Protein backbone atom coordinates (compact mmCIF):
# COMPACT_ATOMS: atom_id res chain seq x y z
CA UNK A 1 -24.09 -16.34 23.90
CA UNK A 2 -23.32 -12.87 22.50
CA UNK A 3 -23.97 -12.34 18.74
CA UNK A 4 -21.01 -11.24 16.43
CA UNK A 5 -21.32 -7.75 15.35
CA UNK A 6 -21.23 -7.02 11.69
CA UNK A 7 -21.30 -3.57 9.96
CA UNK A 8 -21.96 -3.31 6.21
CA UNK A 9 -21.11 -0.29 4.52
CA UNK A 10 -22.73 0.28 1.12
CA UNK A 11 -21.40 1.71 -2.07
CA UNK A 12 -21.62 5.22 -3.77
CA UNK A 13 -25.27 6.26 -4.58
CA UNK A 14 -26.80 3.09 -2.94
CA UNK A 15 -27.88 2.78 0.85
CA UNK A 16 -27.90 0.37 3.55
CA UNK A 17 -30.73 -1.60 2.49
CA UNK A 18 -28.97 -2.85 -0.18
CA UNK A 19 -27.43 -5.75 2.23
CA UNK A 20 -31.15 -6.71 3.18
CA UNK A 21 -30.92 -10.06 1.35
CA UNK A 22 -27.31 -10.75 2.52
CA UNK A 23 -28.32 -10.05 6.04
CA UNK A 24 -31.32 -12.53 5.62
CA UNK A 25 -28.86 -15.17 4.50
CA UNK A 26 -26.35 -14.95 7.43
CA UNK A 27 -26.86 -17.32 10.59
CA UNK A 28 -28.68 -15.78 13.73
CA UNK A 29 -25.28 -15.50 15.33
CA UNK A 30 -24.53 -12.25 13.61
CA UNK A 31 -25.74 -8.91 14.71
CA UNK A 32 -25.76 -6.84 11.65
CA UNK A 33 -25.79 -3.14 11.33
CA UNK A 34 -26.13 -1.38 7.67
CA UNK A 35 -26.30 2.20 8.04
CA UNK A 36 -27.08 4.76 5.40
CA UNK A 37 -23.88 6.83 5.11
CA UNK A 38 -23.57 10.72 4.83
CA UNK A 39 -25.44 12.19 1.88
CA UNK A 40 -27.22 8.85 1.21
CA UNK A 41 -30.73 7.47 1.91
CA UNK A 42 -31.85 8.71 5.46
CA UNK A 43 -28.79 10.58 5.87
CA UNK A 44 -29.20 12.59 2.73
CA UNK A 45 -29.11 15.95 4.42
CA UNK A 46 -25.61 15.23 5.88
CA UNK A 47 -22.76 16.79 3.99
CA UNK A 48 -20.96 13.76 2.55
CA UNK A 49 -17.19 13.29 2.87
CA UNK A 50 -14.98 10.16 3.73
CA UNK A 51 -14.14 11.85 6.97
CA UNK A 52 -17.96 12.38 7.84
CA UNK A 53 -18.73 8.97 6.86
CA UNK A 54 -15.82 7.50 9.09
CA UNK A 55 -17.11 9.56 11.94
CA UNK A 56 -20.44 8.21 11.54
CA UNK A 57 -18.95 4.64 11.71
CA UNK A 58 -17.02 5.40 14.71
CA UNK A 59 -20.27 7.00 16.25
CA UNK A 60 -22.09 3.82 15.63
CA UNK A 61 -19.43 1.49 17.16
CA UNK A 62 -19.30 3.57 20.50
CA UNK A 63 -23.22 4.37 20.66
CA UNK A 64 -23.58 0.55 20.33
CA UNK A 65 -20.57 -0.64 22.11
CA UNK A 66 -19.80 -2.95 19.34
CA UNK A 67 -16.45 -4.64 19.62
CA UNK A 68 -14.76 -7.43 17.86
CA UNK A 69 -16.56 -6.18 14.79
CA UNK A 70 -16.40 -7.61 11.16
CA UNK A 71 -16.61 -4.87 8.65
CA UNK A 72 -17.94 -5.39 5.23
CA UNK A 73 -17.06 -2.30 2.81
CA UNK A 74 -18.57 -2.65 -0.73
CA UNK A 75 -16.89 -0.07 -3.09
CA UNK A 76 -17.12 3.23 -1.51
CA UNK A 77 -17.98 1.40 1.68
CA UNK A 78 -14.15 -0.02 1.64
CA UNK A 79 -12.94 3.56 1.23
CA UNK A 80 -15.06 4.51 4.40
CA UNK A 81 -13.80 1.55 6.32
CA UNK A 82 -9.91 2.54 5.50
CA UNK A 83 -10.68 6.17 6.45
CA UNK A 84 -12.19 5.21 9.73
CA UNK A 85 -9.17 3.01 10.62
CA UNK A 86 -6.86 5.70 9.53
CA UNK A 87 -8.61 8.17 11.83
CA UNK A 88 -9.71 6.13 14.47
CA UNK A 89 -7.64 3.14 14.70
CA UNK A 90 -8.96 -0.44 14.70
CA UNK A 91 -9.45 -1.32 18.36
CA UNK A 92 -12.99 -2.38 17.89
CA UNK A 93 -12.48 -4.12 14.63
CA UNK A 94 -11.86 -7.79 14.06
CA UNK A 95 -11.34 -7.92 10.40
CA UNK A 96 -12.46 -6.23 7.22
CA UNK A 97 -13.91 -7.55 3.97
CA UNK A 98 -13.64 -5.20 1.06
CA UNK A 99 -15.79 -5.87 -2.05
CA UNK A 100 -14.42 -4.70 -5.55
CA UNK A 101 -12.66 -1.54 -4.70
CA UNK A 102 -9.13 0.17 -5.04
CA UNK A 103 -7.38 2.30 -2.55
CA UNK A 104 -6.64 4.64 -5.24
CA UNK A 105 -8.93 5.53 -8.26
CA UNK A 106 -6.81 7.14 -10.86
CA UNK A 107 -4.50 4.85 -12.93
CA UNK A 108 -0.96 5.65 -14.26
CA UNK A 109 2.13 3.96 -15.36
CA UNK A 110 2.92 2.95 -11.78
CA UNK A 111 -0.52 2.37 -10.58
CA UNK A 112 -2.78 -0.03 -13.02
CA UNK A 113 -5.01 -0.99 -10.28
CA UNK A 114 -7.62 1.92 -10.20
CA UNK A 115 -10.81 2.38 -12.13
CA UNK A 116 -10.79 0.40 -15.47
CA UNK A 117 -9.15 2.67 -18.16
CA UNK A 118 -9.51 5.84 -15.99
CA UNK A 119 -6.41 7.83 -15.90
CA UNK A 120 -6.29 11.41 -14.24
CA UNK A 121 -7.58 13.08 -17.43
CA UNK A 122 -10.41 10.49 -17.83
CA UNK A 123 -11.51 10.99 -14.14
CA UNK A 124 -11.64 14.92 -14.67
CA UNK A 125 -13.72 14.24 -17.86
CA UNK A 126 -15.96 11.75 -16.03
CA UNK A 127 -16.53 14.40 -13.14
CA UNK A 128 -17.45 16.98 -15.86
CA UNK A 129 -19.77 14.67 -17.28
CA UNK A 130 -21.53 14.26 -14.14
CA UNK A 131 -22.09 17.71 -13.67
CA UNK A 132 -23.38 18.48 -17.10
CA UNK A 133 -25.38 15.38 -17.55
CA UNK A 134 -26.21 13.39 -14.16
CA UNK A 135 -29.19 11.74 -15.60
CA UNK A 136 -27.22 10.09 -18.45
CA UNK A 137 -24.44 9.32 -16.03
CA UNK A 138 -26.84 7.46 -13.91
CA UNK A 139 -27.28 5.03 -16.79
CA UNK A 140 -23.82 4.17 -17.11
CA UNK A 141 -23.43 3.68 -13.21
CA UNK A 142 -26.46 1.19 -12.96
CA UNK A 143 -25.14 -0.65 -16.18
CA UNK A 144 -21.66 -1.19 -14.91
CA UNK A 145 -22.86 -2.38 -11.46
CA UNK A 146 -23.20 -5.91 -12.89
CA UNK A 147 -21.63 -8.36 -15.06
CA UNK A 148 -24.83 -8.61 -17.19
CA UNK A 149 -26.67 -5.62 -18.45
CA UNK A 150 -30.19 -6.86 -16.95
CA UNK A 151 -28.53 -6.94 -13.39
CA UNK A 152 -28.78 -9.49 -10.64
CA UNK A 153 -31.10 -11.96 -9.37
CA UNK A 154 -33.74 -10.14 -7.16
CA UNK A 155 -32.08 -6.67 -7.92
CA UNK A 156 -32.28 -5.61 -11.49
CA UNK A 157 -30.63 -2.89 -13.49
CA UNK A 158 -33.89 -0.70 -13.15
CA UNK A 159 -34.14 -1.08 -9.46
CA UNK A 160 -30.49 0.12 -9.26
CA UNK A 161 -31.22 3.14 -11.61
CA UNK A 162 -34.15 4.05 -9.30
CA UNK A 163 -31.94 3.93 -6.20
CA UNK A 164 -29.26 6.02 -7.99
CA UNK A 165 -31.65 8.70 -9.26
CA UNK A 166 -33.24 8.96 -5.59
CA UNK A 167 -30.08 10.74 -4.59
CA UNK A 168 -29.12 14.60 -4.64
CA UNK A 169 -26.68 14.89 -7.72
CA UNK A 170 -24.70 17.54 -6.16
CA UNK A 171 -24.08 15.33 -2.94
CA UNK A 172 -23.30 12.31 -5.03
CA UNK A 173 -20.81 14.44 -7.09
CA UNK A 174 -19.08 15.65 -3.90
CA UNK A 175 -18.55 12.19 -2.66
CA UNK A 176 -17.29 10.98 -5.98
CA UNK A 177 -14.49 13.82 -5.91
CA UNK A 178 -13.71 12.80 -2.39
CA UNK A 179 -13.09 9.38 -3.71
CA UNK A 180 -11.06 10.52 -6.60
CA UNK A 181 -8.72 12.39 -4.19
CA UNK A 182 -8.35 9.45 -2.09
CA UNK A 183 -5.11 7.41 -1.94
CA UNK A 184 -4.98 4.71 0.61
CA UNK A 185 -2.09 2.82 -0.65
CA UNK A 186 0.22 3.58 2.14
CA UNK A 187 -2.46 2.67 4.75
CA UNK A 188 -2.85 -0.83 3.46
CA UNK A 189 0.76 -1.68 3.93
CA UNK A 190 0.19 -1.01 7.63
CA UNK A 191 -3.53 -2.40 7.89
CA UNK A 192 -3.76 -3.60 11.58
CA UNK A 193 -6.59 -5.89 11.00
CA UNK A 194 -6.92 -9.22 8.87
CA UNK A 195 -8.25 -8.12 5.15
CA UNK A 196 -10.14 -10.30 2.88
CA UNK A 197 -10.00 -8.38 -0.56
CA UNK A 198 -12.94 -9.76 -2.46
CA UNK A 199 -13.76 -8.80 -6.03
CA UNK A 200 -16.01 -9.79 -9.04
CA UNK A 201 -13.95 -11.44 -11.75
CA UNK A 202 -16.33 -9.96 -14.46
CA UNK A 203 -16.01 -6.46 -12.81
CA UNK A 204 -16.60 -3.60 -15.26
CA UNK A 205 -15.51 -1.13 -12.63
CA UNK A 206 -12.14 -2.44 -11.10
CA UNK A 207 -9.49 -4.82 -12.30
CA UNK A 208 -8.93 -8.30 -10.36
CA UNK A 209 -5.30 -6.97 -9.88
CA UNK A 210 -6.80 -4.33 -7.39
CA UNK A 211 -7.98 -7.04 -5.09
CA UNK A 212 -4.56 -9.13 -5.65
CA UNK A 213 -2.63 -5.99 -4.71
CA UNK A 214 -4.73 -5.40 -1.44
CA UNK A 215 -4.06 -9.04 -0.56
CA UNK A 216 -0.43 -9.14 -1.12
CA UNK A 217 0.16 -5.76 0.50
CA UNK A 218 -1.78 -5.81 3.66
CA UNK A 219 -0.08 -7.67 6.45
CA UNK A 220 -2.72 -10.35 6.98
CA UNK A 221 -4.32 -9.99 3.53
CA UNK A 222 -5.93 -12.62 1.45
CA UNK A 223 -8.34 -12.33 -1.54
CA UNK A 224 -11.43 -14.16 -2.96
CA UNK A 225 -12.86 -13.60 -6.50
CA UNK A 226 -16.28 -14.27 -7.29
CA UNK A 227 -16.11 -15.74 -10.76
CA UNK A 228 -19.60 -14.93 -12.08
CA UNK A 229 -19.98 -11.68 -10.62
CA UNK A 230 -19.31 -7.92 -11.65
CA UNK A 231 -18.90 -5.05 -9.14
CA UNK A 232 -21.85 -6.33 -6.93
CA UNK A 233 -21.01 -9.95 -5.94
CA UNK A 234 -23.29 -9.73 -2.89
CA UNK A 235 -26.27 -9.37 -5.24
CA UNK A 236 -24.83 -11.35 -8.18
CA UNK A 237 -23.93 -14.40 -6.14
CA UNK A 238 -25.61 -14.00 -2.84
CA UNK A 239 -25.29 -17.42 -1.65
CA UNK A 240 -21.83 -17.86 -2.36
CA UNK A 241 -20.81 -14.35 -0.91
CA UNK A 242 -22.79 -15.21 2.37
CA UNK A 243 -20.81 -18.69 2.62
CA UNK A 244 -17.44 -16.84 1.89
CA UNK A 245 -18.23 -13.83 4.52
CA UNK A 246 -19.20 -16.52 7.15
CA UNK A 247 -16.22 -18.45 6.52
CA UNK A 248 -13.70 -15.23 6.85
CA UNK A 249 -15.55 -14.17 10.05
CA UNK A 250 -15.07 -17.72 11.60
CA UNK A 251 -11.43 -17.52 10.93
CA UNK A 252 -11.02 -14.19 12.92
């Protein structure tokens, strides 16, 4: 019996190996792929953009002839999934599980579902801080990845910090700026595949309302909140995350 293909798309400043523990927890019936995205890990030399990442995903699906795929997009990985669906459609995609992500980062009076406490001027200031003090900014990124300052079981704050610092700052900032420019709100209302919008109920990055909005807006949307997690529920509640994913994949 053929195995169900799964493609796991990592978050900003991370790499595909962040999903190793999750993959080890999944049943043998899944064929898992967790590529490094442009500008990250083994693809560090590739100029990062959402378009380049979407092209990489499309190339992977075609080269491996992956069909009926379940996508998992954590944070930036969700943005890559949305970009890919926008560019290439969803003929090969059975469903998408997003993990603690918003389709638009900047908040305003009409859109409270972006990055917590980050309006347009705040995002500009954040970008300027990245440019002027990347090492200092990495401390904040590593800390806000988790509900607890010390990090997750098996993946602590220091490991996260080491991974972030392994990247080329210029490439990370370029991808950050691409995310800041992104607005996929219109796409969500026409999303052609089922969506499970998951989040960490204790996230310090995005409000729970972002997942609620995604689930309510997508034609076949639903949501799941991991009550003891921050921005990284696959790391913070790995067993619960694996069970939730398996249930979602089984419903498709």
